């Protein structure tokens, strides 16, 4: 007797998410902006292998998706700061889950320890 198997179907929401977040550098940019708002040159310095052209493209894509907003600071000199929108901040639990899945160290409550801090520092922050 053979089992009848249901057909496999792609979820359009998953396809949409990975169409954007699956692009190279996008997840790392979101990770950086989850830490704090940053200027273009700060983001480029944090990811020196990322060309300025691709950085600009990814930030524009994230803005179009409503995940990042660009705030122009009056000069002189005129600068632009990028920050996550509320929708972009909503990715924090998913990013934390990915860090834990990848083996990031966690605190006593199972939350990933932020880069550049020790477990002792996170205990004092609670």
Protein backbone atom coordinates (compact mmCIF):
# COMPACT_ATOMS: atom_id res chain seq x y z
CA UNK A 1 0.00 0.00 0.00
CA UNK A 2 1.44 3.37 -0.99
CA UNK A 3 0.95 6.56 0.94
CA UNK A 4 -0.57 9.52 -0.84
CA UNK A 5 1.66 12.52 -0.37
CA UNK A 6 0.41 16.05 -0.38
CA UNK A 7 2.03 18.35 -2.94
CA UNK A 8 4.70 20.74 -1.73
CA UNK A 9 3.76 24.39 -1.98
CA UNK A 10 5.87 27.49 -1.56
CA UNK A 11 4.47 30.03 0.89
CA UNK A 12 4.30 33.40 -0.86
CA UNK A 13 5.15 35.19 2.39
CA UNK A 14 8.31 33.13 2.88
CA UNK A 15 9.23 33.74 -0.75
CA UNK A 16 8.78 37.49 -0.22
CA UNK A 17 10.86 37.53 2.98
CA UNK A 18 13.78 35.61 1.51
CA UNK A 19 13.56 37.58 -1.73
CA UNK A 20 14.60 40.62 0.29
CA UNK A 21 16.41 39.31 3.36
CA UNK A 22 18.16 36.54 1.44
CA UNK A 23 20.22 39.02 -0.53
CA UNK A 24 23.87 39.20 0.41
CA UNK A 25 24.63 41.84 3.08
CA UNK A 26 20.98 42.61 3.88
CA UNK A 27 20.85 40.54 7.07
CA UNK A 28 24.13 42.01 8.29
CA UNK A 29 22.86 45.55 7.67
CA UNK A 30 19.72 44.81 9.67
CA UNK A 31 21.88 43.32 12.41
CA UNK A 32 24.00 46.49 12.57
CA UNK A 33 20.95 48.76 12.61
CA UNK A 34 19.39 46.69 15.40
CA UNK A 35 22.37 47.83 17.49
CA UNK A 36 21.76 51.54 16.82
CA UNK A 37 21.08 54.07 14.04
CA UNK A 38 24.14 54.68 11.89
CA UNK A 39 25.45 56.88 9.12
CA UNK A 40 26.31 55.51 5.70
CA UNK A 41 30.06 55.66 6.33
CA UNK A 42 29.69 53.88 9.67
CA UNK A 43 27.84 51.03 7.98
CA UNK A 44 30.48 50.89 5.26
CA UNK A 45 33.28 50.83 7.86
CA UNK A 46 31.57 47.95 9.70
CA UNK A 47 31.37 45.96 6.42
CA UNK A 48 34.51 46.99 4.50
CA UNK A 49 34.08 44.20 1.91
CA UNK A 50 30.72 45.73 0.91
CA UNK A 51 31.04 48.26 -1.91
CA UNK A 52 29.42 51.64 -1.45
CA UNK A 53 27.28 51.02 -4.54
CA UNK A 54 25.82 47.77 -3.13
CA UNK A 55 25.42 49.35 0.33
CA UNK A 56 23.40 52.15 -1.25
CA UNK A 57 21.27 49.63 -3.20
CA UNK A 58 20.56 47.51 -0.12
CA UNK A 59 19.64 50.53 2.00
CA UNK A 60 17.30 51.75 -0.76
CA UNK A 61 15.67 48.29 -0.96
CA UNK A 62 15.21 48.22 2.82
CA UNK A 63 13.68 51.72 2.70
CA UNK A 64 11.30 50.64 -0.06
CA UNK A 65 10.26 47.65 2.04
CA UNK A 66 9.50 49.95 4.99
CA UNK A 67 12.22 48.45 7.19
CA UNK A 68 14.68 51.35 7.22
CA UNK A 69 14.23 55.09 7.23
CA UNK A 70 16.76 57.71 6.20
CA UNK A 71 16.92 60.89 8.23
CA UNK A 72 18.86 63.81 6.78
CA UNK A 73 20.65 65.76 9.49
CA UNK A 74 21.03 69.49 8.79
CA UNK A 75 24.62 70.55 8.32
CA UNK A 76 27.08 71.68 7.91
CA UNK A 77 28.05 69.10 6.94
CA UNK A 78 24.79 67.52 5.83
CA UNK A 79 24.68 63.86 6.87
CA UNK A 80 22.13 61.08 6.65
CA UNK A 81 21.40 58.62 9.43
CA UNK A 82 19.74 55.25 8.80
CA UNK A 83 17.53 53.63 11.40
CA UNK A 84 15.13 50.75 11.51
CA UNK A 85 11.44 51.54 11.44
CA UNK A 86 9.10 49.81 13.89
CA UNK A 87 8.58 47.18 11.21
CA UNK A 88 12.35 46.73 10.93
CA UNK A 89 12.70 46.51 14.71
CA UNK A 90 10.13 43.72 14.53
CA UNK A 91 12.85 41.54 12.99
CA UNK A 92 14.79 41.52 16.29
CA UNK A 93 13.24 38.27 17.64
CA UNK A 94 13.89 36.49 14.34
CA UNK A 95 17.49 37.74 14.26
CA UNK A 96 17.96 36.60 17.88
CA UNK A 97 16.57 33.16 17.00
CA UNK A 98 18.98 32.91 14.06
CA UNK A 99 21.93 33.87 16.29
CA UNK A 100 20.99 31.19 18.84
CA UNK A 101 20.47 28.64 16.06
CA UNK A 102 23.95 29.50 14.72
CA UNK A 103 25.48 28.85 18.15
CA UNK A 104 25.83 32.36 19.61
CA UNK A 105 26.47 32.42 23.36
CA UNK A 106 23.31 33.02 25.39
CA UNK A 107 22.54 34.49 28.80
CA UNK A 108 20.75 32.66 31.62
CA UNK A 109 17.38 33.32 29.96
CA UNK A 110 18.44 31.95 26.59
CA UNK A 111 18.83 35.33 24.88
CA UNK A 112 21.87 35.82 22.65
CA UNK A 113 24.62 37.90 24.20
CA UNK A 114 25.19 41.05 22.10
CA UNK A 115 28.51 41.17 20.22
CA UNK A 116 31.27 42.91 22.13
CA UNK A 117 29.82 42.18 25.59
CA UNK A 118 30.45 39.42 28.06
CA UNK A 119 27.92 37.28 29.90
CA UNK A 120 28.82 39.17 33.08
CA UNK A 121 27.96 42.53 31.49
CA UNK A 122 24.53 41.29 30.36
CA UNK A 123 23.75 40.02 33.87
CA UNK A 124 24.49 43.50 35.24
CA UNK A 125 22.28 45.12 32.57
CA UNK A 126 19.14 43.19 33.61
